[in-house]
């Protein structure tokens, strides 16, 4: 394989790691979350949420249990591959629907970047160090009742923030 093809394959594999992480958090899937990190990986999210991935990830997933719905997207991704190691900066936007006093429901939008160091482990890319940067956020009251809702939602599959989600059956 030429150097260009190897680079493209590595870049796609790294993108897959980032997307699997997003899916893991959105579905509260701790096993999937662990699968994208090396055994000795560290995570820094913010003060009080930093340390070994094996300790931080369970707290992060547990903190999302109150989410009725979650989606996160990855965009603008810079990747530098250096043989068996890589660096990545990936922009993300996370969307959450949560019930939190004093409002019945809130729509929380959170934007930031993941700064990752990755390395190949047994031929597979994994995150060895992650720093999550918080760039912005917005909290909006969420209106859950609107006249067309029942008509529009009738017969549609609903997402689920856990392994009951239809994606686990279809993928």
N, C-alpha and C. Protein backbone atom coordinates (compact mmCIF):
# COMPACT_ATOMS: atom_id res chain seq x y z
N UNK A 1 0.85 -1.17 0.00
CA UNK A 1 0.00 0.00 0.00
C UNK A 1 0.90 1.24 0.00
N UNK A 2 0.51 2.24 -0.77
CA UNK A 2 1.32 3.46 -0.84
C UNK A 2 1.14 4.28 0.43
N UNK A 3 2.05 5.20 0.65
CA UNK A 3 1.98 6.06 1.85
C UNK A 3 0.67 6.83 1.91
N UNK A 4 0.19 7.31 0.76
CA UNK A 4 -1.08 8.06 0.74
C UNK A 4 -2.26 7.18 1.15
N UNK A 5 -2.27 5.93 0.67
CA UNK A 5 -3.36 5.02 1.03
C UNK A 5 -3.30 4.64 2.50
N UNK A 6 -2.11 4.45 3.01
CA UNK A 6 -1.95 4.14 4.44
C UNK A 6 -2.46 5.31 5.27
N UNK A 7 -2.09 6.54 4.88
CA UNK A 7 -2.57 7.73 5.60
C UNK A 7 -4.09 7.81 5.57
N UNK A 8 -4.70 7.58 4.40
CA UNK A 8 -6.16 7.64 4.29
C UNK A 8 -6.82 6.56 5.14
N UNK A 9 -6.27 5.37 5.13
CA UNK A 9 -6.81 4.29 5.95
C UNK A 9 -6.71 4.62 7.44
N UNK A 10 -5.57 5.16 7.85
CA UNK A 10 -5.41 5.56 9.26
C UNK A 10 -6.40 6.66 9.63
N UNK A 11 -6.52 7.65 8.75
CA UNK A 11 -7.44 8.77 9.02
C UNK A 11 -8.89 8.29 9.15
N UNK A 12 -9.31 7.38 8.27
CA UNK A 12 -10.67 6.83 8.37
C UNK A 12 -10.85 6.02 9.65
N UNK A 13 -9.84 5.26 10.02
CA UNK A 13 -9.91 4.47 11.26
C UNK A 13 -10.00 5.39 12.48
N UNK A 14 -9.27 6.48 12.46
CA UNK A 14 -9.33 7.45 13.57
C UNK A 14 -10.70 8.11 13.62
N UNK A 15 -11.25 8.45 12.46
CA UNK A 15 -12.60 9.03 12.42
C UNK A 15 -13.62 8.04 13.00
N UNK A 16 -13.44 6.76 12.71
CA UNK A 16 -14.33 5.74 13.25
C UNK A 16 -14.24 5.70 14.78
N UNK A 17 -13.04 5.83 15.32
CA UNK A 17 -12.87 5.87 16.78
C UNK A 17 -13.67 7.03 17.37
N UNK A 18 -13.57 8.20 16.77
CA UNK A 18 -14.27 9.38 17.28
C UNK A 18 -15.78 9.20 17.22
N UNK A 19 -16.27 8.63 16.14
CA UNK A 19 -17.71 8.42 15.98
C UNK A 19 -18.22 7.36 16.96
N UNK A 20 -17.44 6.30 17.16
CA UNK A 20 -17.86 5.27 18.13
C UNK A 20 -17.95 5.83 19.54
N UNK A 21 -17.04 6.75 19.88
CA UNK A 21 -17.10 7.39 21.19
C UNK A 21 -18.42 8.16 21.33
N UNK A 22 -18.77 8.92 20.30
CA UNK A 22 -20.03 9.68 20.34
C UNK A 22 -21.22 8.75 20.52
N UNK A 23 -21.23 7.68 19.77
CA UNK A 23 -22.33 6.70 19.89
C UNK A 23 -22.37 6.11 21.30
N UNK A 24 -21.21 5.79 21.84
CA UNK A 24 -21.15 5.21 23.18
C UNK A 24 -21.79 6.14 24.21
N UNK A 25 -21.46 7.42 24.17
CA UNK A 25 -22.05 8.34 25.14
C UNK A 25 -23.54 8.55 24.89
N UNK A 26 -23.93 8.69 23.63
CA UNK A 26 -25.34 8.90 23.33
C UNK A 26 -26.21 7.72 23.73
N UNK A 27 -25.67 6.51 23.65
CA UNK A 27 -26.43 5.30 24.00
C UNK A 27 -26.10 4.82 25.41
N UNK A 28 -25.29 5.56 26.15
CA UNK A 28 -24.89 5.18 27.52
C UNK A 28 -24.26 3.79 27.54
N UNK A 29 -23.42 3.52 26.56
CA UNK A 29 -22.82 2.20 26.38
C UNK A 29 -21.37 2.24 26.87
N UNK A 30 -21.19 1.86 28.11
CA UNK A 30 -19.87 1.93 28.74
C UNK A 30 -18.86 1.00 28.08
N UNK A 31 -19.28 -0.19 27.69
CA UNK A 31 -18.35 -1.12 27.03
C UNK A 31 -17.83 -0.53 25.72
N UNK A 32 -18.72 0.08 24.93
CA UNK A 32 -18.31 0.71 23.69
C UNK A 32 -17.37 1.88 23.96
N UNK A 33 -17.67 2.65 25.01
CA UNK A 33 -16.79 3.78 25.38
C UNK A 33 -15.39 3.28 25.73
N UNK A 34 -15.30 2.23 26.51
CA UNK A 34 -13.99 1.67 26.86
C UNK A 34 -13.23 1.20 25.63
N UNK A 35 -13.94 0.73 24.61
CA UNK A 35 -13.30 0.13 23.45
C UNK A 35 -12.53 1.14 22.60
N UNK A 36 -12.76 2.42 22.77
CA UNK A 36 -12.04 3.41 21.94
C UNK A 36 -10.80 3.95 22.64
N UNK A 37 -10.56 3.56 23.88
CA UNK A 37 -9.42 4.05 24.65
C UNK A 37 -8.41 2.93 24.91
N UNK A 38 -7.14 3.31 25.04
CA UNK A 38 -6.13 2.35 25.46
C UNK A 38 -6.35 2.03 26.94
N UNK A 39 -5.79 0.94 27.40
CA UNK A 39 -5.96 0.52 28.80
C UNK A 39 -5.42 1.57 29.77
N UNK A 40 -4.40 2.33 29.36
CA UNK A 40 -3.79 3.33 30.25
C UNK A 40 -4.18 4.76 29.90
N UNK A 41 -5.27 4.93 29.14
CA UNK A 41 -5.67 6.26 28.67
C UNK A 41 -6.07 7.18 29.81
N UNK A 42 -5.87 8.48 29.58
CA UNK A 42 -6.31 9.51 30.52
C UNK A 42 -7.30 10.44 29.82
N UNK A 43 -8.20 10.99 30.62
CA UNK A 43 -9.20 11.93 30.11
C UNK A 43 -9.23 13.15 31.02
N UNK A 44 -9.25 14.33 30.41
CA UNK A 44 -9.43 15.58 31.15
C UNK A 44 -10.63 16.29 30.57
N UNK A 45 -11.72 16.38 31.35
CA UNK A 45 -12.90 17.09 30.90
C UNK A 45 -12.99 18.45 31.56
N UNK A 46 -12.86 18.49 32.84
CA UNK A 46 -12.84 19.74 33.58
C UNK A 46 -12.41 19.41 35.00
N UNK A 47 -12.21 20.43 35.77
CA UNK A 47 -11.75 20.22 37.14
C UNK A 47 -12.66 19.22 37.85
N UNK A 48 -12.08 18.22 38.43
CA UNK A 48 -12.86 17.19 39.10
C UNK A 48 -13.22 16.03 38.20
N UNK A 49 -13.08 16.19 36.89
CA UNK A 49 -13.36 15.10 35.95
C UNK A 49 -12.13 14.89 35.09
N UNK A 50 -11.09 14.40 35.72
CA UNK A 50 -9.84 14.11 35.03
C UNK A 50 -9.22 12.90 35.69
N UNK A 51 -8.57 12.08 34.88
CA UNK A 51 -7.90 10.92 35.42
C UNK A 51 -7.91 9.78 34.42
N UNK A 52 -7.68 8.58 34.91
CA UNK A 52 -7.69 7.42 34.03
C UNK A 52 -9.07 7.22 33.39
N UNK A 53 -9.09 6.87 32.12
CA UNK A 53 -10.36 6.67 31.41
C UNK A 53 -11.22 5.63 32.12
N UNK A 54 -10.59 4.60 32.67
CA UNK A 54 -11.37 3.53 33.33
C UNK A 54 -12.15 4.06 34.54
N UNK A 55 -11.72 5.21 35.10
CA UNK A 55 -12.44 5.82 36.23
C UNK A 55 -13.38 6.94 35.78
N UNK A 56 -12.97 7.72 34.79
CA UNK A 56 -13.75 8.88 34.36
C UNK A 56 -14.96 8.46 33.51
N UNK A 57 -14.78 7.49 32.63
CA UNK A 57 -15.88 7.09 31.73
C UNK A 57 -17.13 6.63 32.47
N UNK A 58 -17.03 5.79 33.52
CA UNK A 58 -18.25 5.41 34.23
C UNK A 58 -18.99 6.61 34.81
N UNK A 59 -18.25 7.61 35.31
CA UNK A 59 -18.89 8.82 35.83
C UNK A 59 -19.59 9.60 34.73
N UNK A 60 -18.95 9.72 33.58
CA UNK A 60 -19.55 10.44 32.46
C UNK A 60 -20.83 9.77 31.99
N UNK A 61 -20.79 8.46 31.81
CA UNK A 61 -21.96 7.73 31.34
C UNK A 61 -23.07 7.80 32.39
N UNK A 62 -22.74 7.64 33.66
CA UNK A 62 -23.75 7.74 34.72
C UNK A 62 -24.38 9.13 34.75
N UNK A 63 -23.59 10.17 34.48
CA UNK A 63 -24.10 11.53 34.47
C UNK A 63 -25.09 11.79 33.35
N UNK A 64 -25.10 10.95 32.35
CA UNK A 64 -26.02 11.11 31.22
C UNK A 64 -27.31 10.32 31.41
N UNK A 65 -27.42 9.57 32.48
CA UNK A 65 -28.60 8.73 32.70
C UNK A 65 -29.90 9.54 32.74
N UNK A 66 -29.82 10.81 33.13
CA UNK A 66 -31.03 11.65 33.17
C UNK A 66 -31.45 12.19 31.82
N UNK A 67 -30.67 11.93 30.80
CA UNK A 67 -30.99 12.41 29.45
C UNK A 67 -32.10 11.57 28.83
N UNK A 68 -33.12 12.24 28.35
CA UNK A 68 -34.16 11.53 27.63
C UNK A 68 -33.74 11.29 26.19
N UNK A 69 -32.88 12.16 25.67
CA UNK A 69 -32.36 12.01 24.32
C UNK A 69 -31.00 12.70 24.27
N UNK A 70 -30.11 12.15 23.49
CA UNK A 70 -28.79 12.76 23.33
C UNK A 70 -28.28 12.47 21.92
N UNK A 71 -27.65 13.45 21.36
CA UNK A 71 -26.96 13.28 20.08
C UNK A 71 -25.72 14.14 20.11
N UNK A 72 -24.64 13.63 19.60
CA UNK A 72 -23.46 14.46 19.43
C UNK A 72 -22.92 14.23 18.04
N UNK A 73 -22.39 15.29 17.49
CA UNK A 73 -21.85 15.23 16.14
C UNK A 73 -20.38 15.63 16.18
N UNK A 74 -19.64 15.11 15.23
CA UNK A 74 -18.22 15.44 15.07
C UNK A 74 -18.08 16.17 13.74
N UNK A 75 -17.32 17.25 13.75
CA UNK A 75 -17.05 17.95 12.50
C UNK A 75 -15.59 18.38 12.50
N UNK A 76 -15.23 19.30 11.66
CA UNK A 76 -13.88 19.84 11.52
C UNK A 76 -12.86 19.01 12.29
N UNK A 77 -12.24 18.10 11.58
CA UNK A 77 -11.31 17.18 12.23
C UNK A 77 -9.93 17.31 11.58
N UNK A 78 -8.97 17.71 12.39
CA UNK A 78 -7.58 17.77 11.96
C UNK A 78 -6.87 16.54 12.51
N UNK A 79 -6.20 15.80 11.65
CA UNK A 79 -5.50 14.59 12.07
C UNK A 79 -4.06 14.66 11.57
N UNK A 80 -3.14 14.38 12.46
CA UNK A 80 -1.73 14.27 12.11
C UNK A 80 -1.30 12.86 12.50
N UNK A 81 -0.92 12.08 11.50
CA UNK A 81 -0.50 10.70 11.73
C UNK A 81 1.02 10.66 11.69
N UNK A 82 1.59 10.09 12.75
CA UNK A 82 3.04 9.94 12.87
C UNK A 82 3.35 8.47 13.11
N UNK A 83 3.27 7.68 12.05
CA UNK A 83 3.54 6.26 12.11
C UNK A 83 2.51 5.55 12.99
N UNK A 84 2.88 5.11 14.19
CA UNK A 84 1.98 4.38 15.08
C UNK A 84 1.29 5.29 16.10
N UNK A 85 1.49 6.60 15.99
CA UNK A 85 0.84 7.56 16.87
C UNK A 85 0.18 8.63 16.02
N UNK A 86 -0.80 9.31 16.61
CA UNK A 86 -1.50 10.36 15.88
C UNK A 86 -2.00 11.41 16.86
N UNK A 87 -2.29 12.58 16.32
CA UNK A 87 -2.89 13.68 17.07
C UNK A 87 -4.16 14.06 16.32
N UNK A 88 -5.19 14.45 17.07
CA UNK A 88 -6.44 14.82 16.44
C UNK A 88 -7.09 15.97 17.22
N UNK A 89 -7.65 16.91 16.48
CA UNK A 89 -8.53 17.92 17.05
C UNK A 89 -9.85 17.78 16.32
N UNK A 90 -10.92 17.47 17.05
CA UNK A 90 -12.23 17.28 16.45
C UNK A 90 -13.24 18.17 17.16
N UNK A 91 -13.93 18.98 16.38
CA UNK A 91 -15.01 19.81 16.93
C UNK A 91 -16.22 18.91 17.18
N UNK A 92 -16.96 19.19 18.25
CA UNK A 92 -18.18 18.44 18.51
C UNK A 92 -19.28 19.38 18.98
N UNK A 93 -20.51 18.97 18.73
CA UNK A 93 -21.68 19.62 19.30
C UNK A 93 -22.52 18.50 19.91
N UNK A 94 -22.88 18.66 21.17
CA UNK A 94 -23.70 17.67 21.86
C UNK A 94 -25.05 18.31 22.17
N UNK A 95 -26.10 17.54 21.94
CA UNK A 95 -27.47 17.99 22.18
C UNK A 95 -28.11 17.05 23.20
N UNK A 96 -28.72 17.62 24.23
CA UNK A 96 -29.35 16.81 25.26
C UNK A 96 -30.77 17.32 25.53
N UNK A 97 -31.69 16.40 25.79
CA UNK A 97 -33.00 16.74 26.31
C UNK A 97 -33.04 16.18 27.72
N UNK A 98 -33.25 17.08 28.69
CA UNK A 98 -33.23 16.67 30.09
C UNK A 98 -34.36 17.35 30.85
N UNK A 99 -34.89 16.66 31.83
CA UNK A 99 -35.84 17.26 32.76
C UNK A 99 -35.04 17.75 33.95
N UNK A 100 -35.05 19.08 34.15
CA UNK A 100 -34.27 19.66 35.26
C UNK A 100 -35.03 20.85 35.83
N UNK A 101 -35.26 20.82 37.15
CA UNK A 101 -35.93 21.96 37.78
C UNK A 101 -35.13 23.25 37.55
N UNK A 102 -35.75 24.38 37.45
CA UNK A 102 -37.18 24.63 37.65
C UNK A 102 -38.02 24.39 36.40
N UNK A 103 -37.43 24.10 35.27
CA UNK A 103 -38.18 23.86 34.04
C UNK A 103 -38.52 22.39 33.92
N UNK A 104 -39.61 22.10 33.22
CA UNK A 104 -39.97 20.70 32.99
C UNK A 104 -38.92 20.00 32.14
N UNK A 105 -38.61 20.60 31.00
CA UNK A 105 -37.60 20.02 30.11
C UNK A 105 -36.71 21.13 29.59
N UNK A 106 -35.46 20.75 29.37
CA UNK A 106 -34.49 21.69 28.80
C UNK A 106 -33.80 21.04 27.61
N UNK A 107 -33.52 21.89 26.63
CA UNK A 107 -32.72 21.48 25.49
C UNK A 107 -31.35 22.12 25.69
N UNK A 108 -30.35 21.28 25.89
CA UNK A 108 -29.00 21.76 26.19
C UNK A 108 -28.12 21.50 24.97
N UNK A 109 -27.47 22.54 24.50
CA UNK A 109 -26.55 22.42 23.37
C UNK A 109 -25.17 22.81 23.88
N UNK A 110 -24.20 21.99 23.59
CA UNK A 110 -22.86 22.15 24.14
C UNK A 110 -21.86 21.98 23.01
N UNK A 111 -21.01 22.95 22.82
CA UNK A 111 -20.01 22.86 21.76
C UNK A 111 -18.60 22.88 22.31
N UNK A 112 -17.74 22.12 21.69
CA UNK A 112 -16.36 22.08 22.15
C UNK A 112 -15.48 21.32 21.17
N UNK A 113 -14.32 20.95 21.67
CA UNK A 113 -13.35 20.20 20.85
C UNK A 113 -12.71 19.11 21.68
N UNK A 114 -12.44 18.01 21.02
CA UNK A 114 -11.66 16.93 21.62
C UNK A 114 -10.24 17.04 21.09
N UNK A 115 -9.28 17.15 21.97
CA UNK A 115 -7.86 17.12 21.60
C UNK A 115 -7.33 15.75 22.03
N UNK A 116 -7.05 14.93 21.05
CA UNK A 116 -6.69 13.53 21.33
C UNK A 116 -5.28 13.19 20.88
N UNK A 117 -4.67 12.30 21.65
CA UNK A 117 -3.47 11.59 21.23
C UNK A 117 -3.94 10.16 21.06
N UNK A 118 -3.56 9.57 19.96
CA UNK A 118 -3.97 8.20 19.67
C UNK A 118 -2.75 7.36 19.37
N UNK A 119 -2.90 6.05 19.57
CA UNK A 119 -1.83 5.15 19.16
C UNK A 119 -2.46 3.83 18.73
N UNK A 120 -1.71 3.11 17.91
CA UNK A 120 -2.17 1.82 17.45
C UNK A 120 -1.89 0.77 18.52
N UNK A 121 -2.90 -0.01 18.80
CA UNK A 121 -2.78 -1.12 19.74
C UNK A 121 -3.25 -2.36 18.98
N UNK A 122 -2.34 -3.30 18.77
CA UNK A 122 -2.65 -4.52 18.00
C UNK A 122 -3.29 -4.16 16.66
N UNK A 123 -2.75 -3.12 16.02
CA UNK A 123 -3.21 -2.72 14.70
C UNK A 123 -4.45 -1.85 14.66
N UNK A 124 -5.01 -1.51 15.83
CA UNK A 124 -6.22 -0.69 15.90
C UNK A 124 -5.92 0.63 16.59
N UNK A 125 -6.45 1.71 16.05
CA UNK A 125 -6.28 3.02 16.66
C UNK A 125 -7.15 3.14 17.91
N UNK A 126 -6.55 3.71 18.95
CA UNK A 126 -7.27 3.97 20.20
C UNK A 126 -6.78 5.29 20.78
N UNK A 127 -7.64 5.93 21.53
CA UNK A 127 -7.28 7.19 22.19
C UNK A 127 -6.46 6.89 23.43
N UNK A 128 -5.28 7.50 23.54
CA UNK A 128 -4.44 7.30 24.72
C UNK A 128 -4.53 8.49 25.67
N UNK A 129 -4.94 9.64 25.16
CA UNK A 129 -5.09 10.83 26.00
C UNK A 129 -6.11 11.75 25.34
N UNK A 130 -7.07 12.22 26.14
CA UNK A 130 -8.09 13.15 25.63
C UNK A 130 -8.21 14.33 26.56
N UNK A 131 -8.24 15.52 25.96
CA UNK A 131 -8.61 16.75 26.66
C UNK A 131 -9.83 17.29 25.94
N UNK A 132 -10.92 17.49 26.66
CA UNK A 132 -12.13 18.06 26.07
C UNK A 132 -12.18 19.54 26.43
N UNK A 133 -12.28 20.36 25.40
CA UNK A 133 -12.38 21.81 25.60
C UNK A 133 -13.83 22.24 25.46
N UNK A 134 -14.27 23.10 26.37
CA UNK A 134 -15.62 23.65 26.34
C UNK A 134 -15.54 25.01 25.66
N UNK A 135 -16.17 25.14 24.49
CA UNK A 135 -16.14 26.40 23.77
C UNK A 135 -17.40 27.23 24.00
N UNK A 136 -18.55 26.61 24.12
CA UNK A 136 -19.80 27.34 24.32
C UNK A 136 -20.91 26.40 24.74
N UNK A 137 -22.01 26.96 25.25
CA UNK A 137 -23.19 26.16 25.57
C UNK A 137 -24.42 27.04 25.56
N UNK A 138 -25.57 26.41 25.48
CA UNK A 138 -26.84 27.12 25.50
C UNK A 138 -27.88 26.20 26.12
N UNK A 139 -28.72 26.76 26.98
CA UNK A 139 -29.81 26.01 27.59
C UNK A 139 -31.10 26.73 27.22
N UNK A 140 -32.06 25.96 26.68
CA UNK A 140 -33.32 26.52 26.21
C UNK A 140 -34.47 25.71 26.79
N UNK A 141 -35.52 26.39 27.31
CA UNK A 141 -36.71 25.63 27.71
C UNK A 141 -37.25 24.89 26.49
N UNK A 142 -37.74 23.68 26.70
CA UNK A 142 -38.20 22.85 25.60
C UNK A 142 -39.70 22.67 25.67
N UNK A 143 -40.38 23.11 24.64
CA UNK A 143 -41.82 22.89 24.53
C UNK A 143 -42.04 21.49 23.98
N UNK A 144 -42.72 20.65 24.72
CA UNK A 144 -42.91 19.27 24.28
C UNK A 144 -44.28 19.05 23.67
N UNK A 145 -45.16 20.01 23.82
CA UNK A 145 -46.49 19.87 23.24
C UNK A 145 -46.68 20.92 22.15
N UNK A 146 -47.04 20.46 20.97
CA UNK A 146 -47.40 21.35 19.87
C UNK A 146 -48.49 20.62 19.09
N UNK A 147 -49.33 21.35 18.43
CA UNK A 147 -50.53 20.73 17.85
C UNK A 147 -50.27 19.55 16.92
N UNK A 148 -49.20 19.59 16.15
CA UNK A 148 -48.97 18.54 15.17
C UNK A 148 -48.22 17.34 15.73
N UNK A 149 -47.77 17.41 16.98
CA UNK A 149 -46.88 16.38 17.52
C UNK A 149 -47.44 14.97 17.39
N UNK A 150 -48.66 14.76 17.84
CA UNK A 150 -49.24 13.40 17.80
C UNK A 150 -49.32 12.88 16.37
N UNK A 151 -49.71 13.74 15.44
CA UNK A 151 -49.82 13.31 14.04
C UNK A 151 -48.44 12.99 13.47
N UNK A 152 -47.46 13.82 13.73
CA UNK A 152 -46.12 13.63 13.18
C UNK A 152 -45.41 12.43 13.80
N UNK A 153 -45.65 12.18 15.07
CA UNK A 153 -44.92 11.13 15.76
C UNK A 153 -45.58 9.76 15.64
N UNK A 154 -46.84 9.72 15.22
CA UNK A 154 -47.57 8.46 15.15
C UNK A 154 -46.84 7.47 14.23
N UNK A 155 -46.56 6.29 14.75
CA UNK A 155 -45.94 5.23 13.98
C UNK A 155 -44.44 5.34 13.78
N UNK A 156 -43.83 6.38 14.29
CA UNK A 156 -42.38 6.54 14.11
C UNK A 156 -41.61 5.76 15.18
N UNK A 157 -40.45 5.28 14.78
CA UNK A 157 -39.56 4.65 15.76
C UNK A 157 -38.97 5.76 16.63
N UNK A 158 -38.91 5.51 17.91
CA UNK A 158 -38.33 6.48 18.84
C UNK A 158 -36.94 6.02 19.25
N UNK A 159 -36.02 6.97 19.33
CA UNK A 159 -34.68 6.65 19.81
C UNK A 159 -34.71 6.37 21.30
N UNK A 160 -33.70 5.67 21.76
CA UNK A 160 -33.59 5.34 23.17
C UNK A 160 -32.14 5.56 23.61
N UNK A 161 -31.94 6.17 24.79
CA UNK A 161 -30.57 6.45 25.23
C UNK A 161 -29.87 5.26 25.88
N UNK A 162 -30.11 4.06 25.33
CA UNK A 162 -29.47 2.87 25.90
C UNK A 162 -29.48 1.76 24.86
N UNK A 163 -29.21 0.54 25.27
CA UNK A 163 -29.12 -0.58 24.34
C UNK A 163 -30.47 -0.99 23.78
N UNK A 164 -31.58 -0.40 24.25
CA UNK A 164 -32.89 -0.67 23.66
C UNK A 164 -33.06 0.06 22.33
N UNK A 165 -32.13 0.95 21.99
CA UNK A 165 -32.21 1.70 20.75
C UNK A 165 -32.19 0.74 19.57
N UNK A 166 -33.00 1.04 18.56
CA UNK A 166 -33.13 0.18 17.39
C UNK A 166 -31.79 -0.03 16.66
N UNK A 167 -30.87 0.91 16.79
CA UNK A 167 -29.58 0.77 16.12
C UNK A 167 -28.83 -0.48 16.58
N UNK A 168 -29.04 -0.91 17.82
CA UNK A 168 -28.36 -2.11 18.31
C UNK A 168 -28.89 -3.36 17.61
N UNK A 169 -30.13 -3.33 17.17
CA UNK A 169 -30.71 -4.46 16.45
C UNK A 169 -30.30 -4.42 14.98
N UNK A 170 -30.31 -3.24 14.38
CA UNK A 170 -30.07 -3.13 12.93
C UNK A 170 -28.60 -3.12 12.56
N UNK A 171 -27.72 -2.67 13.45
CA UNK A 171 -26.29 -2.66 13.13
C UNK A 171 -25.73 -3.99 13.49
